[in-house]
PDB file of N, CA and C in Angstrom:
ATOM      1  N   MET A   1     -72.005  32.846  10.452  1.00  0.00           N
ATOM      2  CA  MET A   1     -70.704  33.481  10.371  1.00  0.00           C
ATOM      3  C   MET A   1     -69.794  32.630   9.479  1.00  0.00           C
ATOM      4  N   PRO A   2     -69.156  33.239   8.485  1.00  0.00           N
ATOM      5  CA  PRO A   2     -68.308  32.465   7.567  1.00  0.00           C
ATOM      6  C   PRO A   2     -67.011  31.998   8.229  1.00  0.00           C
ATOM      7  N   ILE A   3     -66.429  30.961   7.677  1.00  0.00           N
ATOM      8  CA  ILE A   3     -65.111  30.484   8.091  1.00  0.00           C
ATOM      9  C   ILE A   3     -64.088  31.418   7.449  1.00  0.00           C
ATOM     10  N   ARG A   4     -63.246  32.011   8.275  1.00  0.00           N
ATOM     11  CA  ARG A   4     -62.275  33.002   7.800  1.00  0.00           C
ATOM     12  C   ARG A   4     -60.947  32.306   7.488  1.00  0.00           C
ATOM     13  N   VAL A   5     -60.445  32.500   6.259  1.00  0.00           N
ATOM     14  CA  VAL A   5     -59.271  31.775   5.784  1.00  0.00           C
ATOM     15  C   VAL A   5     -58.158  32.737   5.382  1.00  0.00           C
ATOM     16  N   LEU A   6     -56.937  32.403   5.793  1.00  0.00           N
ATOM     17  CA  LEU A   6     -55.728  33.090   5.340  1.00  0.00           C
ATOM     18  C   LEU A   6     -55.002  32.135   4.408  1.00  0.00           C
ATOM     19  N   ILE A   7     -54.665  32.583   3.197  1.00  0.00           N
ATOM     20  CA  ILE A   7     -53.954  31.759   2.222  1.00  0.00           C
ATOM     21  C   ILE A   7     -52.483  32.161   2.224  1.00  0.00           C
ATOM     22  N   VAL A   8     -51.601  31.165   2.427  1.00  0.00           N
ATOM     23  CA  VAL A   8     -50.161  31.406   2.437  1.00  0.00           C
ATOM     24  C   VAL A   8     -49.526  30.527   1.358  1.00  0.00           C
ATOM     25  N   ASP A   9     -49.003  31.168   0.314  1.00  0.00           N
ATOM     26  CA  ASP A   9     -48.369  30.433  -0.778  1.00  0.00           C
ATOM     27  C   ASP A   9     -47.451  31.392  -1.517  1.00  0.00           C
ATOM     28  N   ASP A  10     -46.261  30.931  -1.892  1.00  0.00           N
ATOM     29  CA  ASP A  10     -45.320  31.817  -2.580  1.00  0.00           C
ATOM     30  C   ASP A  10     -45.704  32.071  -4.035  1.00  0.00           C
ATOM     31  N   SER A  11     -46.602  31.282  -4.585  1.00  0.00           N
ATOM     32  CA  SER A  11     -47.008  31.446  -5.979  1.00  0.00           C
ATOM     33  C   SER A  11     -48.309  32.239  -6.088  1.00  0.00           C
ATOM     34  N   PRO A  12     -48.261  33.407  -6.738  1.00  0.00           N
ATOM     35  CA  PRO A  12     -49.497  34.170  -6.921  1.00  0.00           C
ATOM     36  C   PRO A  12     -50.563  33.366  -7.677  1.00  0.00           C
ATOM     37  N   MET A  13     -50.118  32.549  -8.626  1.00  0.00           N
ATOM     38  CA  MET A  13     -51.065  31.747  -9.392  1.00  0.00           C
ATOM     39  C   MET A  13     -51.809  30.768  -8.471  1.00  0.00           C
ATOM     40  N   PHE A  14     -51.076  30.071  -7.595  1.00  0.00           N
ATOM     41  CA  PHE A  14     -51.725  29.106  -6.711  1.00  0.00           C
ATOM     42  C   PHE A  14     -52.566  29.784  -5.630  1.00  0.00           C
ATOM     43  N   ARG A  15     -52.139  30.970  -5.174  1.00  0.00           N
ATOM     44  CA  ARG A  15     -52.992  31.712  -4.241  1.00  0.00           C
ATOM     45  C   ARG A  15     -54.327  32.008  -4.901  1.00  0.00           C
ATOM     46  N   GLY A  16     -54.290  32.389  -6.178  1.00  0.00           N
ATOM     47  CA  GLY A  16     -55.519  32.662  -6.916  1.00  0.00           C
ATOM     48  C   GLY A  16     -56.372  31.420  -7.094  1.00  0.00           C
ATOM     49  N   VAL A  17     -55.729  30.295  -7.384  1.00  0.00           N
ATOM     50  CA  VAL A  17     -56.463  29.033  -7.548  1.00  0.00           C
ATOM     51  C   VAL A  17     -57.172  28.668  -6.251  1.00  0.00           C
ATOM     52  N   VAL A  18     -56.458  28.762  -5.136  1.00  0.00           N
ATOM     53  CA  VAL A  18     -57.059  28.431  -3.835  1.00  0.00           C
ATOM     54  C   VAL A  18     -58.194  29.400  -3.524  1.00  0.00           C
ATOM     55  N   ARG A  19     -57.958  30.704  -3.744  1.00  0.00           N
ATOM     56  CA  ARG A  19     -59.003  31.703  -3.468  1.00  0.00           C
ATOM     57  C   ARG A  19     -60.261  31.433  -4.287  1.00  0.00           C
ATOM     58  N   ARG A  20     -60.088  31.171  -5.581  1.00  0.00           N
ATOM     59  CA  ARG A  20     -61.252  30.897  -6.430  1.00  0.00           C
ATOM     60  C   ARG A  20     -61.971  29.620  -6.003  1.00  0.00           C
ATOM     61  N   ALA A  21     -61.217  28.596  -5.641  1.00  0.00           N
ATOM     62  CA  ALA A  21     -61.835  27.338  -5.196  1.00  0.00           C
ATOM     63  C   ALA A  21     -62.633  27.553  -3.914  1.00  0.00           C
ATOM     64  N   LEU A  22     -62.100  28.346  -3.005  1.00  0.00           N
ATOM     65  CA  LEU A  22     -62.807  28.593  -1.742  1.00  0.00           C
ATOM     66  C   LEU A  22     -63.989  29.543  -1.919  1.00  0.00           C
ATOM     67  N   SER A  23     -63.907  30.433  -2.882  1.00  0.00           N
ATOM     68  CA  SER A  23     -64.945  31.450  -3.036  1.00  0.00           C
ATOM     69  C   SER A  23     -66.282  30.892  -3.521  1.00  0.00           C
ATOM     70  N   VAL A  24     -66.296  29.661  -4.011  1.00  0.00           N
ATOM     71  CA  VAL A  24     -67.574  29.085  -4.447  1.00  0.00           C
ATOM     72  C   VAL A  24     -68.467  28.735  -3.263  1.00  0.00           C
ATOM     73  N   ASP A  25     -67.885  28.654  -2.077  1.00  0.00           N
ATOM     74  CA  ASP A  25     -68.653  28.334  -0.874  1.00  0.00           C
ATOM     75  C   ASP A  25     -68.945  29.630  -0.115  1.00  0.00           C
ATOM     76  N   THR A  26     -70.200  29.971   0.027  1.00  0.00           N
ATOM     77  CA  THR A  26     -70.573  31.226   0.694  1.00  0.00           C
ATOM     78  C   THR A  26     -70.296  31.196   2.194  1.00  0.00           C
ATOM     79  N   ASP A  27     -69.982  30.036   2.733  1.00  0.00           N
ATOM     80  CA  ASP A  27     -69.647  29.922   4.159  1.00  0.00           C
ATOM     81  C   ASP A  27     -68.154  30.123   4.414  1.00  0.00           C
ATOM     82  N   ILE A  28     -67.400  30.485   3.370  1.00  0.00           N
ATOM     83  CA  ILE A  28     -65.960  30.696   3.487  1.00  0.00           C
ATOM     84  C   ILE A  28     -65.626  32.106   3.013  1.00  0.00           C
ATOM     85  N   GLU A  29     -64.807  32.797   3.800  1.00  0.00           N
ATOM     86  CA  GLU A  29     -64.341  34.146   3.448  1.00  0.00           C
ATOM     87  C   GLU A  29     -62.818  34.161   3.492  1.00  0.00           C
ATOM     88  N   VAL A  30     -62.184  34.453   2.379  1.00  0.00           N
ATOM     89  CA  VAL A  30     -60.726  34.613   2.353  1.00  0.00           C
ATOM     90  C   VAL A  30     -60.433  36.010   2.874  1.00  0.00           C
ATOM     91  N   VAL A  31     -59.757  36.077   4.020  1.00  0.00           N
ATOM     92  CA  VAL A  31     -59.516  37.372   4.652  1.00  0.00           C
ATOM     93  C   VAL A  31     -58.228  38.032   4.175  1.00  0.00           C
ATOM     94  N   ARG A  32     -57.295  37.199   3.652  1.00  0.00           N
ATOM     95  CA  ARG A  32     -56.044  37.766   3.130  1.00  0.00           C
ATOM     96  C   ARG A  32     -55.243  36.667   2.457  1.00  0.00           C
ATOM     97  N   GLU A  33     -54.364  37.081   1.555  1.00  0.00           N
ATOM     98  CA  GLU A  33     -53.409  36.192   0.894  1.00  0.00           C
ATOM     99  C   GLU A  33     -52.022  36.771   1.131  1.00  0.00           C
ATOM    100  N   VAL A  34     -51.062  35.921   1.497  1.00  0.00           N
ATOM    101  CA  VAL A  34     -49.683  36.376   1.688  1.00  0.00           C
ATOM    102  C   VAL A  34     -48.725  35.406   1.011  1.00  0.00           C
ATOM    103  N   GLU A  35     -47.510  35.905   0.738  1.00  0.00           N
ATOM    104  CA  GLU A  35     -46.565  35.155  -0.078  1.00  0.00           C
ATOM    105  C   GLU A  35     -45.582  34.272   0.672  1.00  0.00           C
ATOM    106  N   ASP A  36     -45.456  34.420   1.994  1.00  0.00           N
ATOM    107  CA  ASP A  36     -44.576  33.501   2.717  1.00  0.00           C
ATOM    108  C   ASP A  36     -44.927  33.464   4.204  1.00  0.00           C
ATOM    109  N   ALA A  37     -44.326  32.513   4.880  1.00  0.00           N
ATOM    110  CA  ALA A  37     -44.653  32.278   6.291  1.00  0.00           C
ATOM    111  C   ALA A  37     -44.247  33.451   7.172  1.00  0.00           C
ATOM    112  N   PHE A  38     -43.156  34.128   6.828  1.00  0.00           N
ATOM    113  CA  PHE A  38     -42.733  35.273   7.628  1.00  0.00           C
ATOM    114  C   PHE A  38     -43.761  36.393   7.571  1.00  0.00           C
ATOM    115  N   VAL A  39     -44.334  36.614   6.414  1.00  0.00           N
ATOM    116  CA  VAL A  39     -45.358  37.645   6.252  1.00  0.00           C
ATOM    117  C   VAL A  39     -46.668  37.200   6.929  1.00  0.00           C
ATOM    118  N   ALA A  40     -46.896  35.912   7.043  1.00  0.00           N
ATOM    119  CA  ALA A  40     -48.158  35.385   7.582  1.00  0.00           C
ATOM    120  C   ALA A  40     -48.328  35.640   9.077  1.00  0.00           C
ATOM    121  N   ALA A  41     -47.258  35.775   9.805  1.00  0.00           N
ATOM    122  CA  ALA A  41     -47.355  35.919  11.265  1.00  0.00           C
ATOM    123  C   ALA A  41     -48.205  37.124  11.676  1.00  0.00           C
ATOM    124  N   GLU A  42     -47.996  38.265  11.044  1.00  0.00           N
ATOM    125  CA  GLU A  42     -48.753  39.475  11.402  1.00  0.00           C
ATOM    126  C   GLU A  42     -50.252  39.344  11.100  1.00  0.00           C
ATOM    127  N   PRO A  43     -50.646  38.922   9.878  1.00  0.00           N
ATOM    128  CA  PRO A  43     -52.084  38.788   9.615  1.00  0.00           C
ATOM    129  C   PRO A  43     -52.764  37.734  10.494  1.00  0.00           C
ATOM    130  N   ILE A  44     -52.039  36.689  10.868  1.00  0.00           N
ATOM    131  CA  ILE A  44     -52.644  35.697  11.761  1.00  0.00           C
ATOM    132  C   ILE A  44     -52.963  36.343  13.093  1.00  0.00           C
ATOM    133  N   SER A  45     -52.019  37.106  13.606  1.00  0.00           N
ATOM    134  CA  SER A  45     -52.233  37.794  14.879  1.00  0.00           C
ATOM    135  C   SER A  45     -53.319  38.857  14.765  1.00  0.00           C
ATOM    136  N   GLU A  46     -53.275  39.627  13.687  1.00  0.00           N
ATOM    137  CA  GLU A  46     -54.208  40.740  13.486  1.00  0.00           C
ATOM    138  C   GLU A  46     -55.623  40.271  13.121  1.00  0.00           C
ATOM    139  N   LEU A  47     -55.726  39.357  12.163  1.00  0.00           N
ATOM    140  CA  LEU A  47     -57.031  38.959  11.620  1.00  0.00           C
ATOM    141  C   LEU A  47     -57.648  37.754  12.317  1.00  0.00           C
ATOM    142  N   GLN A  48     -56.824  36.964  12.994  1.00  0.00           N
ATOM    143  CA  GLN A  48     -57.267  35.756  13.688  1.00  0.00           C
ATOM    144  C   GLN A  48     -58.175  34.889  12.819  1.00  0.00           C
ATOM    145  N   PRO A  49     -57.616  34.410  11.689  1.00  0.00           N
ATOM    146  CA  PRO A  49     -58.422  33.553  10.815  1.00  0.00           C
ATOM    147  C   PRO A  49     -58.746  32.226  11.500  1.00  0.00           C
ATOM    148  N   ASP A  50     -59.821  31.591  11.060  1.00  0.00           N
ATOM    149  CA  ASP A  50     -60.176  30.273  11.585  1.00  0.00           C
ATOM    150  C   ASP A  50     -59.262  29.200  11.017  1.00  0.00           C
ATOM    151  N   VAL A  51     -58.812  29.411   9.779  1.00  0.00           N
ATOM    152  CA  VAL A  51     -58.008  28.433   9.049  1.00  0.00           C
ATOM    153  C   VAL A  51     -56.943  29.165   8.246  1.00  0.00           C
ATOM    154  N   SER A  52     -55.761  28.546   8.152  1.00  0.00           N
ATOM    155  CA  SER A  52     -54.718  29.039   7.254  1.00  0.00           C
ATOM    156  C   SER A  52     -54.315  27.903   6.331  1.00  0.00           C
ATOM    157  N   THR A  53     -54.271  28.183   5.035  1.00  0.00           N
ATOM    158  CA  THR A  53     -53.720  27.206   4.101  1.00  0.00           C
ATOM    159  C   THR A  53     -52.239  27.513   3.985  1.00  0.00           C
ATOM    160  N   LEU A  54     -51.423  26.478   3.899  1.00  0.00           N
ATOM    161  CA  LEU A  54     -49.976  26.670   3.819  1.00  0.00           C
ATOM    162  C   LEU A  54     -49.400  25.818   2.701  1.00  0.00           C
ATOM    163  N   ASP A  55     -48.581  26.430   1.881  1.00  0.00           N
ATOM    164  CA  ASP A  55     -47.811  25.685   0.887  1.00  0.00           C
ATOM    165  C   ASP A  55     -46.741  24.918   1.656  1.00  0.00           C
ATOM    166  N   VAL A  56     -46.556  23.650   1.336  1.00  0.00           N
ATOM    167  CA  VAL A  56     -45.562  22.845   2.035  1.00  0.00           C
ATOM    168  C   VAL A  56     -44.153  23.319   1.724  1.00  0.00           C
ATOM    169  N   GLU A  57     -43.878  23.652   0.466  1.00  0.00           N
ATOM    170  CA  GLU A  57     -42.543  24.082   0.073  1.00  0.00           C
ATOM    171  C   GLU A  57     -42.560  25.544  -0.348  1.00  0.00           C
ATOM    172  N   MET A  58     -41.952  26.370   0.495  1.00  0.00           N
ATOM    173  CA  MET A  58     -41.822  27.794   0.195  1.00  0.00           C
ATOM    174  C   MET A  58     -40.393  28.218   0.494  1.00  0.00           C
ATOM    175  N   PRO A  59     -39.892  29.266  -0.176  1.00  0.00           N
ATOM    176  CA  PRO A  59     -38.567  29.781   0.167  1.00  0.00           C
ATOM    177  C   PRO A  59     -38.570  30.326   1.599  1.00  0.00           C
ATOM    178  N   LYS A  60     -37.422  30.360   2.198  1.00  0.00           N
ATOM    179  CA  LYS A  60     -37.213  30.890   3.550  1.00  0.00           C
ATOM    180  C   LYS A  60     -37.717  29.929   4.629  1.00  0.00           C
ATOM    181  N   MET A  61     -39.012  29.558   4.593  1.00  0.00           N
ATOM    182  CA  MET A  61     -39.573  28.680   5.613  1.00  0.00           C
ATOM    183  C   MET A  61     -40.731  27.894   5.006  1.00  0.00           C
ATOM    184  N   SER A  62     -40.695  26.579   5.176  1.00  0.00           N
ATOM    185  CA  SER A  62     -41.777  25.749   4.631  1.00  0.00           C
ATOM    186  C   SER A  62     -43.030  25.879   5.492  1.00  0.00           C
ATOM    187  N   GLY A  63     -44.145  25.473   4.937  1.00  0.00           N
ATOM    188  CA  GLY A  63     -45.385  25.468   5.702  1.00  0.00           C
ATOM    189  C   GLY A  63     -45.307  24.573   6.924  1.00  0.00           C
ATOM    190  N   ILE A  64     -44.594  23.448   6.807  1.00  0.00           N
ATOM    191  CA  ILE A  64     -44.428  22.517   7.925  1.00  0.00           C
ATOM    192  C   ILE A  64     -43.615  23.175   9.044  1.00  0.00           C
ATOM    193  N   GLU A  65     -42.521  23.855   8.687  1.00  0.00           N
ATOM    194  CA  GLU A  65     -41.721  24.563   9.692  1.00  0.00           C
ATOM    195  C   GLU A  65     -42.554  25.634  10.386  1.00  0.00           C
ATOM    196  N   PHE A  66     -43.356  26.337   9.623  1.00  0.00           N
ATOM    197  CA  PHE A  66     -44.193  27.393  10.190  1.00  0.00           C
ATOM    198  C   PHE A  66     -45.178  26.834  11.209  1.00  0.00           C
ATOM    199  N   LEU A  67     -45.742  25.671  10.918  1.00  0.00           N
ATOM    200  CA  LEU A  67     -46.679  25.069  11.863  1.00  0.00           C
ATOM    201  C   LEU A  67     -46.031  24.750  13.208  1.00  0.00           C
ATOM    202  N   ARG A  68     -44.780  24.333  13.162  1.00  0.00           N
ATOM    203  CA  ARG A  68     -44.067  24.011  14.411  1.00  0.00           C
ATOM    204  C   ARG A  68     -43.905  25.248  15.243  1.00  0.00           C
TER     205      ARG A  68
END
């Protein structure tokens, strides 16, 4: 069973970089990409990823604040 990952980053370019970097490993599945922490709450609840990547500095709420 692959490790399911949710990517959270306000930059579409960096979301793509992370997705491409993770996609080289067949044991990893990116289940969704979202642009901020507020949007991330629903997919985390719905998709229950094993791992979420978080940008430390995002508008509205940082990745660190979201973790708290």
